[in-house]
């Protein structure tokens, strides 16, 4: 079963008037992983699709998605699928891919329908418009480029895992990877930044069920927060910072889409400018 919904773009002047429930309704995705369902959110921020699929009792197929307006969802789009379970299988474009935990599979424009299977698998899904065909590629966690950042003295010691990234492979516009925080570190993406040329989505994971992340968003001088739990996603508009602090160590998957694939193309915010 496939379910999809539309999230419209929100102006920052509107966002700063929202209460907690309204912010969560527009920017938090808390129902990604439902047994035997594909759950997709089509965002008007760079036309990014953020979704989840859990093939608990049998295969699930993604083909036509109403919001794309095309016979098959990847006719004019690319996608990345991440297995968050123990093992799973993806079939697309006449090929089959076996995926371990946190492996990422890139599917290029024209890949056709996608079949997902694995009783212990659940897949995180990102898709964005594409302008040309690029061959599919499975990037395992062993293939990712590792970049250490931060330090214990600032409580943000972390390792960046670059998967769909110019250092590893080409894509049309998706840049995607994972960040794992070290033991005792809780802050992510601080000092904060935003990027007017790209939208981003965060999926928090490896967070104990009784722990939370306080996710910060909004314009640098009009920040807001949301309480986020394990395997929940947050949409980050181009005008918004995106960072947070957890009540325990955790990881998160970041995915960007927009005008370029330059991971370093960000607008930094000085600590003293945050409000």
C-alpha atoms as a PDB file:
ATOM      1  CA  UNK A   1       0.000   0.000   0.000  1.00  0.00           C
ATOM      2  CA  UNK A   2       1.332   3.449  -0.958  1.00  0.00           C
ATOM      3  CA  UNK A   3       0.269   6.660   0.760  1.00  0.00           C
ATOM      4  CA  UNK A   4       1.500  10.118  -0.233  1.00  0.00           C
ATOM      5  CA  UNK A   5       0.835  13.634   0.958  1.00  0.00           C
ATOM      6  CA  UNK A   6       1.821  17.167   0.001  1.00  0.00           C
ATOM      7  CA  UNK A   7       3.626  19.704   2.191  1.00  0.00           C
ATOM      8  CA  UNK A   8       3.493  23.257   0.848  1.00  0.00           C
ATOM      9  CA  UNK A   9       6.326  25.746   1.218  1.00  0.00           C
ATOM     10  CA  UNK A  10       6.075  28.042   4.249  1.00  0.00           C
ATOM     11  CA  UNK A  11       7.344  31.622   4.303  1.00  0.00           C
ATOM     12  CA  UNK A  12       9.630  32.452   7.273  1.00  0.00           C
ATOM     13  CA  UNK A  13       7.331  35.335   8.264  1.00  0.00           C
ATOM     14  CA  UNK A  14       4.519  32.803   8.602  1.00  0.00           C
ATOM     15  CA  UNK A  15       6.685  30.193  10.342  1.00  0.00           C
ATOM     16  CA  UNK A  16       7.632  32.500  13.199  1.00  0.00           C
ATOM     17  CA  UNK A  17       3.951  32.959  14.123  1.00  0.00           C
ATOM     18  CA  UNK A  18       3.327  29.200  14.521  1.00  0.00           C
ATOM     19  CA  UNK A  19       2.770  27.397  17.792  1.00  0.00           C
ATOM     20  CA  UNK A  20       4.298  23.999  18.563  1.00  0.00           C
ATOM     21  CA  UNK A  21       1.534  21.944  16.960  1.00  0.00           C
ATOM     22  CA  UNK A  22       1.586  24.039  13.803  1.00  0.00           C
ATOM     23  CA  UNK A  23       5.376  23.790  13.457  1.00  0.00           C
ATOM     24  CA  UNK A  24       5.245  20.023  13.867  1.00  0.00           C
ATOM     25  CA  UNK A  25       2.442  19.696  11.312  1.00  0.00           C
ATOM     26  CA  UNK A  26       4.456  21.559   8.665  1.00  0.00           C
ATOM     27  CA  UNK A  27       8.053  20.487   9.303  1.00  0.00           C
ATOM     28  CA  UNK A  28       8.072  17.166  11.219  1.00  0.00           C
ATOM     29  CA  UNK A  29       7.410  13.782   9.571  1.00  0.00           C
ATOM     30  CA  UNK A  30       6.703  11.311  12.366  1.00  0.00           C
ATOM     31  CA  UNK A  31       4.922   8.457  10.556  1.00  0.00           C
ATOM     32  CA  UNK A  32       7.492   7.261   8.007  1.00  0.00           C
ATOM     33  CA  UNK A  33       7.669   3.608   8.976  1.00  0.00           C
ATOM     34  CA  UNK A  34       4.354   1.758   9.022  1.00  0.00           C
ATOM     35  CA  UNK A  35       4.196  -2.012   8.545  1.00  0.00           C
ATOM     36  CA  UNK A  36       3.416  -3.029   4.940  1.00  0.00           C
ATOM     37  CA  UNK A  37       3.133   0.568   3.754  1.00  0.00           C
ATOM     38  CA  UNK A  38       5.063   3.068   1.663  1.00  0.00           C
ATOM     39  CA  UNK A  39       4.627   6.530   3.199  1.00  0.00           C
ATOM     40  CA  UNK A  40       5.812   9.462   1.079  1.00  0.00           C
ATOM     41  CA  UNK A  41       5.791  13.199   1.788  1.00  0.00           C
ATOM     42  CA  UNK A  42       6.143  15.408  -1.281  1.00  0.00           C
ATOM     43  CA  UNK A  43       7.624  18.728  -0.208  1.00  0.00           C
ATOM     44  CA  UNK A  44       7.501  21.885  -2.303  1.00  0.00           C
ATOM     45  CA  UNK A  45      11.001  22.699  -1.021  1.00  0.00           C
ATOM     46  CA  UNK A  46      13.027  21.765  -4.117  1.00  0.00           C
ATOM     47  CA  UNK A  47      10.333  19.146  -4.889  1.00  0.00           C
ATOM     48  CA  UNK A  48      12.018  16.722  -2.494  1.00  0.00           C
ATOM     49  CA  UNK A  49      10.222  13.516  -1.564  1.00  0.00           C
ATOM     50  CA  UNK A  50      10.920  12.149   1.926  1.00  0.00           C
ATOM     51  CA  UNK A  51       9.548   8.713   2.658  1.00  0.00           C
ATOM     52  CA  UNK A  52       9.703   5.355   4.334  1.00  0.00           C
ATOM     53  CA  UNK A  53       8.763   1.784   3.420  1.00  0.00           C
ATOM     54  CA  UNK A  54       8.395  -1.245   5.674  1.00  0.00           C
ATOM     55  CA  UNK A  55       7.856  -4.533   3.751  1.00  0.00           C
ATOM     56  CA  UNK A  56       6.960  -6.515   6.857  1.00  0.00           C
ATOM     57  CA  UNK A  57       4.921  -9.368   5.362  1.00  0.00           C
ATOM     58  CA  UNK A  58       5.701  -9.058   1.667  1.00  0.00           C
ATOM     59  CA  UNK A  59       7.230  -6.911  -1.100  1.00  0.00           C
ATOM     60  CA  UNK A  60       6.189  -3.297  -1.596  1.00  0.00           C
ATOM     61  CA  UNK A  61       6.220  -1.535  -4.966  1.00  0.00           C
ATOM     62  CA  UNK A  62       6.739   2.161  -5.684  1.00  0.00           C
ATOM     63  CA  UNK A  63       5.648   3.166  -9.164  1.00  0.00           C
ATOM     64  CA  UNK A  64       3.099   5.926  -9.791  1.00  0.00           C
ATOM     65  CA  UNK A  65       3.069   8.744  -7.201  1.00  0.00           C
ATOM     66  CA  UNK A  66       0.239  11.225  -7.710  1.00  0.00           C
ATOM     67  CA  UNK A  67       2.209  14.338  -6.828  1.00  0.00           C
ATOM     68  CA  UNK A  68       4.903  13.774  -9.499  1.00  0.00           C
ATOM     69  CA  UNK A  69       2.404  13.840 -12.365  1.00  0.00           C
ATOM     70  CA  UNK A  70       4.328  11.173 -14.330  1.00  0.00           C
ATOM     71  CA  UNK A  71       3.443   7.539 -15.135  1.00  0.00           C
ATOM     72  CA  UNK A  72       6.259   6.299 -12.872  1.00  0.00           C
ATOM     73  CA  UNK A  73       7.849   8.246 -10.009  1.00  0.00           C
ATOM     74  CA  UNK A  74      11.404   8.120 -11.390  1.00  0.00           C
ATOM     75  CA  UNK A  75      10.549   9.149 -14.961  1.00  0.00           C
ATOM     76  CA  UNK A  76      12.028  12.584 -14.239  1.00  0.00           C
ATOM     77  CA  UNK A  77      13.571  12.036 -10.800  1.00  0.00           C
ATOM     78  CA  UNK A  78      16.480  10.368  -8.987  1.00  0.00           C
ATOM     79  CA  UNK A  79      16.254   8.640  -5.617  1.00  0.00           C
ATOM     80  CA  UNK A  80      18.335   7.285  -2.748  1.00  0.00           C
ATOM     81  CA  UNK A  81      17.141   4.417  -0.551  1.00  0.00           C
ATOM     82  CA  UNK A  82      18.681   3.559   2.828  1.00  0.00           C
ATOM     83  CA  UNK A  83      18.076   0.296   4.636  1.00  0.00           C
ATOM     84  CA  UNK A  84      17.640   0.942   8.355  1.00  0.00           C
ATOM     85  CA  UNK A  85      16.950  -2.699   9.144  1.00  0.00           C
ATOM     86  CA  UNK A  86      19.301  -5.665   9.213  1.00  0.00           C
ATOM     87  CA  UNK A  87      19.012  -6.799   5.592  1.00  0.00           C
ATOM     88  CA  UNK A  88      16.803  -5.979   2.637  1.00  0.00           C
ATOM     89  CA  UNK A  89      16.496  -6.227  -1.126  1.00  0.00           C
ATOM     90  CA  UNK A  90      15.714  -3.561  -3.731  1.00  0.00           C
ATOM     91  CA  UNK A  91      14.819  -4.415  -7.326  1.00  0.00           C
ATOM     92  CA  UNK A  92      14.923  -1.647  -9.922  1.00  0.00           C
ATOM     93  CA  UNK A  93      15.925  -1.208 -13.551  1.00  0.00           C
ATOM     94  CA  UNK A  94      16.280  -4.957 -14.074  1.00  0.00           C
ATOM     95  CA  UNK A  95      18.808  -5.366 -11.237  1.00  0.00           C
ATOM     96  CA  UNK A  96      18.597  -6.603  -7.659  1.00  0.00           C
ATOM     97  CA  UNK A  97      20.546  -5.098  -4.758  1.00  0.00           C
ATOM     98  CA  UNK A  98      21.154  -6.679  -1.354  1.00  0.00           C
ATOM     99  CA  UNK A  99      21.463  -4.005   1.315  1.00  0.00           C
ATOM    100  CA  UNK A 100      22.801  -4.121   4.857  1.00  0.00           C
ATOM    101  CA  UNK A 101      22.081  -1.622   7.594  1.00  0.00           C
ATOM    102  CA  UNK A 102      22.757   1.985   6.538  1.00  0.00           C
ATOM    103  CA  UNK A 103      23.844   1.055   3.013  1.00  0.00           C
ATOM    104  CA  UNK A 104      22.586   3.606   0.477  1.00  0.00           C
ATOM    105  CA  UNK A 105      21.352   2.794  -3.043  1.00  0.00           C
ATOM    106  CA  UNK A 106      21.276   5.529  -5.690  1.00  0.00           C
ATOM    107  CA  UNK A 107      18.724   5.098  -8.497  1.00  0.00           C
ATOM    108  CA  UNK A 108      18.926   7.380 -11.500  1.00  0.00           C
ATOM    109  CA  UNK A 109      16.230   8.930 -13.648  1.00  0.00           C
ATOM    110  CA  UNK A 110      14.339   6.351 -15.687  1.00  0.00           C
ATOM    111  CA  UNK A 111      14.866   3.458 -13.269  1.00  0.00           C
ATOM    112  CA  UNK A 112      11.161   2.583 -13.387  1.00  0.00           C
ATOM    113  CA  UNK A 113       9.215   0.936 -10.613  1.00  0.00           C
ATOM    114  CA  UNK A 114      11.025  -0.094  -7.438  1.00  0.00           C
ATOM    115  CA  UNK A 115      10.290  -3.247  -5.417  1.00  0.00           C
ATOM    116  CA  UNK A 116      11.343  -3.437  -1.772  1.00  0.00           C
ATOM    117  CA  UNK A 117      11.474  -6.612   0.301  1.00  0.00           C
ATOM    118  CA  UNK A 118      12.864  -7.992   3.547  1.00  0.00           C
ATOM    119  CA  UNK A 119      10.923  -8.862   6.686  1.00  0.00           C
ATOM    120  CA  UNK A 120      13.593  -7.202   8.835  1.00  0.00           C
ATOM    121  CA  UNK A 121      14.101  -4.208   6.535  1.00  0.00           C
ATOM    122  CA  UNK A 122      12.712  -0.734   6.571  1.00  0.00           C
ATOM    123  CA  UNK A 123      13.826   1.771   3.992  1.00  0.00           C
ATOM    124  CA  UNK A 124      14.295   5.516   4.209  1.00  0.00           C
ATOM    125  CA  UNK A 125      13.644   7.209   0.858  1.00  0.00           C
ATOM    126  CA  UNK A 126      14.779  10.520  -0.636  1.00  0.00           C
ATOM    127  CA  UNK A 127      13.946  11.666  -4.168  1.00  0.00           C
ATOM    128  CA  UNK A 128      14.423  14.886  -6.138  1.00  0.00           C
ATOM    129  CA  UNK A 129      14.033  15.999  -9.777  1.00  0.00           C
ATOM    130  CA  UNK A 130      16.791  14.974 -12.189  1.00  0.00           C
ATOM    131  CA  UNK A 131      17.911  16.318 -15.566  1.00  0.00           C
ATOM    132  CA  UNK A 132      19.807  13.295 -16.939  1.00  0.00           C
ATOM    133  CA  UNK A 133      20.240   9.566 -16.454  1.00  0.00           C
ATOM    134  CA  UNK A 134      23.004   8.393 -14.098  1.00  0.00           C
ATOM    135  CA  UNK A 135      23.667   4.681 -13.524  1.00  0.00           C
ATOM    136  CA  UNK A 136      22.438   3.097 -10.322  1.00  0.00           C
ATOM    137  CA  UNK A 137      25.039   2.532  -7.621  1.00  0.00           C
ATOM    138  CA  UNK A 138      25.026   0.784  -4.262  1.00  0.00           C
ATOM    139  CA  UNK A 139      27.258   2.561  -1.741  1.00  0.00           C
ATOM    140  CA  UNK A 140      27.803   0.418   1.333  1.00  0.00           C
ATOM    141  CA  UNK A 141      28.779   1.920   4.663  1.00  0.00           C
ATOM    142  CA  UNK A 142      32.280   0.539   4.034  1.00  0.00           C
ATOM    143  CA  UNK A 143      32.445   2.522   0.766  1.00  0.00           C
ATOM    144  CA  UNK A 144      31.520   5.855   2.362  1.00  0.00           C
ATOM    145  CA  UNK A 145      34.138   8.569   2.810  1.00  0.00           C
ATOM    146  CA  UNK A 146      34.666   9.355   6.509  1.00  0.00           C
ATOM    147  CA  UNK A 147      35.331  12.901   7.696  1.00  0.00           C
ATOM    148  CA  UNK A 148      35.974  13.440  11.445  1.00  0.00           C
ATOM    149  CA  UNK A 149      34.754  16.771  12.829  1.00  0.00           C
ATOM    150  CA  UNK A 150      34.230  18.551  16.136  1.00  0.00           C
ATOM    151  CA  UNK A 151      35.665  17.700  19.526  1.00  0.00           C
ATOM    152  CA  UNK A 152      34.793  16.506  23.003  1.00  0.00           C
ATOM    153  CA  UNK A 153      35.388  19.933  24.507  1.00  0.00           C
ATOM    154  CA  UNK A 154      32.468  21.342  22.483  1.00  0.00           C
ATOM    155  CA  UNK A 155      30.295  18.212  22.892  1.00  0.00           C
ATOM    156  CA  UNK A 156      30.128  17.671  19.125  1.00  0.00           C
ATOM    157  CA  UNK A 157      32.728  15.045  18.282  1.00  0.00           C
ATOM    158  CA  UNK A 158      31.319  13.316  15.231  1.00  0.00           C
ATOM    159  CA  UNK A 159      32.096  11.439  12.011  1.00  0.00           C
ATOM    160  CA  UNK A 160      30.553  12.438   8.695  1.00  0.00           C
ATOM    161  CA  UNK A 161      29.841   9.514   6.341  1.00  0.00           C
ATOM    162  CA  UNK A 162      29.640  10.766   2.757  1.00  0.00           C
ATOM    163  CA  UNK A 163      27.650   8.399   0.495  1.00  0.00           C
ATOM    164  CA  UNK A 164      26.005  10.259  -2.388  1.00  0.00           C
ATOM    165  CA  UNK A 165      28.605  12.982  -2.560  1.00  0.00           C
ATOM    166  CA  UNK A 166      31.048  14.253  -5.234  1.00  0.00           C
ATOM    167  CA  UNK A 167      33.888  12.545  -3.316  1.00  0.00           C
ATOM    168  CA  UNK A 168      32.177   9.194  -3.922  1.00  0.00           C
ATOM    169  CA  UNK A 169      29.862   9.380  -6.939  1.00  0.00           C
ATOM    170  CA  UNK A 170      27.918  11.733  -9.166  1.00  0.00           C
ATOM    171  CA  UNK A 171      24.252  12.665  -8.931  1.00  0.00           C
ATOM    172  CA  UNK A 172      22.025  15.315 -10.452  1.00  0.00           C
ATOM    173  CA  UNK A 173      21.265  17.213  -7.257  1.00  0.00           C
ATOM    174  CA  UNK A 174      20.947  14.897  -4.259  1.00  0.00           C
ATOM    175  CA  UNK A 175      23.806  15.072  -1.748  1.00  0.00           C
ATOM    176  CA  UNK A 176      23.351  12.585   1.073  1.00  0.00           C
ATOM    177  CA  UNK A 177      25.155  10.986   3.968  1.00  0.00           C
ATOM    178  CA  UNK A 178      25.087  10.242   7.655  1.00  0.00           C
ATOM    179  CA  UNK A 179      26.574  11.766  10.798  1.00  0.00           C
ATOM    180  CA  UNK A 180      27.345   9.717  13.916  1.00  0.00           C
ATOM    181  CA  UNK A 181      28.064  11.476  17.185  1.00  0.00           C
ATOM    182  CA  UNK A 182      30.730  10.198  19.529  1.00  0.00           C
ATOM    183  CA  UNK A 183      30.016   8.975  23.043  1.00  0.00           C
ATOM    184  CA  UNK A 184      29.205  11.944  25.269  1.00  0.00           C
ATOM    185  CA  UNK A 185      28.657  14.313  22.335  1.00  0.00           C
ATOM    186  CA  UNK A 186      25.171  15.697  21.783  1.00  0.00           C
ATOM    187  CA  UNK A 187      25.353  18.726  19.463  1.00  0.00           C
ATOM    188  CA  UNK A 188      25.018  18.438  15.694  1.00  0.00           C
ATOM    189  CA  UNK A 189      25.763  21.089  13.081  1.00  0.00           C
ATOM    190  CA  UNK A 190      26.966  23.762  15.471  1.00  0.00           C
ATOM    191  CA  UNK A 191      28.000  26.477  14.669  1.00  0.00           C
ATOM    192  CA  UNK A 192      24.781  26.574  12.703  1.00  0.00           C
ATOM    193  CA  UNK A 193      24.283  27.313   9.030  1.00  0.00           C
ATOM    194  CA  UNK A 194      21.620  27.505   6.359  1.00  0.00           C
ATOM    195  CA  UNK A 195      21.829  27.388   2.559  1.00  0.00           C
ATOM    196  CA  UNK A 196      19.554  29.531   0.406  1.00  0.00           C
ATOM    197  CA  UNK A 197      20.359  27.404  -2.658  1.00  0.00           C
ATOM    198  CA  UNK A 198      19.315  24.039  -1.206  1.00  0.00           C
ATOM    199  CA  UNK A 199      16.718  22.399   0.999  1.00  0.00           C
ATOM    200  CA  UNK A 200      17.588  19.653   3.461  1.00  0.00           C
ATOM    201  CA  UNK A 201      15.950  16.844   5.402  1.00  0.00           C
ATOM    202  CA  UNK A 202      17.214  15.243   8.618  1.00  0.00           C
ATOM    203  CA  UNK A 203      16.283  11.761   9.821  1.00  0.00           C
ATOM    204  CA  UNK A 204      17.326  11.067  13.399  1.00  0.00           C
ATOM    205  CA  UNK A 205      18.248   7.470  14.253  1.00  0.00           C
ATOM    206  CA  UNK A 206      20.020   5.268  16.810  1.00  0.00           C
ATOM    207  CA  UNK A 207      18.257   7.307  19.488  1.00  0.00           C
ATOM    208  CA  UNK A 208      16.975   5.262  22.464  1.00  0.00           C
ATOM    209  CA  UNK A 209      13.187   5.202  22.656  1.00  0.00           C
ATOM    210  CA  UNK A 210      13.163   7.138  25.943  1.00  0.00           C
ATOM    211  CA  UNK A 211      15.470   9.901  24.631  1.00  0.00           C
ATOM    212  CA  UNK A 212      14.887  12.979  22.439  1.00  0.00           C
ATOM    213  CA  UNK A 213      16.623  15.482  20.213  1.00  0.00           C
ATOM    214  CA  UNK A 214      15.837  19.180  20.573  1.00  0.00           C
ATOM    215  CA  UNK A 215      15.960  20.245  16.927  1.00  0.00           C
ATOM    216  CA  UNK A 216      16.481  23.947  16.224  1.00  0.00           C
ATOM    217  CA  UNK A 217      15.081  25.595  13.121  1.00  0.00           C
ATOM    218  CA  UNK A 218      14.020  29.013  11.829  1.00  0.00           C
ATOM    219  CA  UNK A 219      15.867  32.100  10.718  1.00  0.00           C
ATOM    220  CA  UNK A 220      19.011  32.736  12.792  1.00  0.00           C
ATOM    221  CA  UNK A 221      17.417  35.652  14.637  1.00  0.00           C
ATOM    222  CA  UNK A 222      14.009  33.902  15.011  1.00  0.00           C
ATOM    223  CA  UNK A 223      14.828  30.360  16.120  1.00  0.00           C
ATOM    224  CA  UNK A 224      12.237  27.779  17.066  1.00  0.00           C
ATOM    225  CA  UNK A 225      12.534  24.221  18.352  1.00  0.00           C
ATOM    226  CA  UNK A 226      10.834  20.856  18.023  1.00  0.00           C
ATOM    227  CA  UNK A 227      11.211  17.715  20.108  1.00  0.00           C
ATOM    228  CA  UNK A 228      12.139  14.871  17.745  1.00  0.00           C
ATOM    229  CA  UNK A 229      12.315  11.137  18.440  1.00  0.00           C
ATOM    230  CA  UNK A 230      13.963   8.127  16.861  1.00  0.00           C
ATOM    231  CA  UNK A 231      13.399   7.648  13.120  1.00  0.00           C
ATOM    232  CA  UNK A 232      11.470  10.882  12.722  1.00  0.00           C
ATOM    233  CA  UNK A 233      12.379  13.338   9.968  1.00  0.00           C
ATOM    234  CA  UNK A 234      12.498  17.129   9.791  1.00  0.00           C
ATOM    235  CA  UNK A 235      12.122  19.281   6.659  1.00  0.00           C
ATOM    236  CA  UNK A 236      14.536  22.213   6.583  1.00  0.00           C
ATOM    237  CA  UNK A 237      13.681  25.075   4.192  1.00  0.00           C
ATOM    238  CA  UNK A 238      16.491  27.043   2.514  1.00  0.00           C
ATOM    239  CA  UNK A 239      15.981  29.961   4.924  1.00  0.00           C
ATOM    240  CA  UNK A 240      16.197  27.847   8.081  1.00  0.00           C
ATOM    241  CA  UNK A 241      19.066  26.736  10.266  1.00  0.00           C
ATOM    242  CA  UNK A 242      19.090  23.028  11.139  1.00  0.00           C
ATOM    243  CA  UNK A 243      20.906  21.764  14.189  1.00  0.00           C
ATOM    244  CA  UNK A 244      20.131  20.168  17.493  1.00  0.00           C
ATOM    245  CA  UNK A 245      21.149  18.615  20.778  1.00  0.00           C
ATOM    246  CA  UNK A 246      20.205  15.182  22.044  1.00  0.00           C
ATOM    247  CA  UNK A 247      19.654  13.784  25.497  1.00  0.00           C
ATOM    248  CA  UNK A 248      21.964  10.925  24.454  1.00  0.00           C
ATOM    249  CA  UNK A 249      24.290  10.127  21.571  1.00  0.00           C
ATOM    250  CA  UNK A 250      22.597   9.479  18.231  1.00  0.00           C
ATOM    251  CA  UNK A 251      23.077   9.575  14.457  1.00  0.00           C
ATOM    252  CA  UNK A 252      21.218  11.312  11.670  1.00  0.00           C
ATOM    253  CA  UNK A 253      20.918  11.022   7.906  1.00  0.00           C
ATOM    254  CA  UNK A 254      21.116  14.302   6.013  1.00  0.00           C
ATOM    255  CA  UNK A 255      19.907  14.794   2.461  1.00  0.00           C
ATOM    256  CA  UNK A 256      20.074  17.948   0.361  1.00  0.00           C
ATOM    257  CA  UNK A 257      18.699  18.974  -3.032  1.00  0.00           C
ATOM    258  CA  UNK A 258      18.988  22.257  -4.892  1.00  0.00           C
ATOM    259  CA  UNK A 259      21.084  24.278  -7.297  1.00  0.00           C
ATOM    260  CA  UNK A 260      24.416  22.515  -6.770  1.00  0.00           C
ATOM    261  CA  UNK A 261      26.109  19.513  -5.171  1.00  0.00           C
ATOM    262  CA  UNK A 262      28.768  21.495  -3.306  1.00  0.00           C
ATOM    263  CA  UNK A 263      28.619  20.177   0.260  1.00  0.00           C
ATOM    264  CA  UNK A 264      30.552  23.219   1.510  1.00  0.00           C
ATOM    265  CA  UNK A 265      28.200  25.798  -0.051  1.00  0.00           C
ATOM    266  CA  UNK A 266      26.630  27.024   3.179  1.00  0.00           C
ATOM    267  CA  UNK A 267      25.808  30.346   4.840  1.00  0.00           C
ATOM    268  CA  UNK A 268      27.475  30.173   8.252  1.00  0.00           C
ATOM    269  CA  UNK A 269      25.895  31.792  11.310  1.00  0.00           C
ATOM    270  CA  UNK A 270      28.125  33.178  14.048  1.00  0.00           C
ATOM    271  CA  UNK A 271      27.294  31.936  17.528  1.00  0.00           C
ATOM    272  CA  UNK A 272      26.641  35.476  18.738  1.00  0.00           C
ATOM    273  CA  UNK A 273      24.080  36.039  15.948  1.00  0.00           C
ATOM    274  CA  UNK A 274      21.726  33.274  17.066  1.00  0.00           C
ATOM    275  CA  UNK A 275      18.584  34.326  18.876  1.00  0.00           C
END
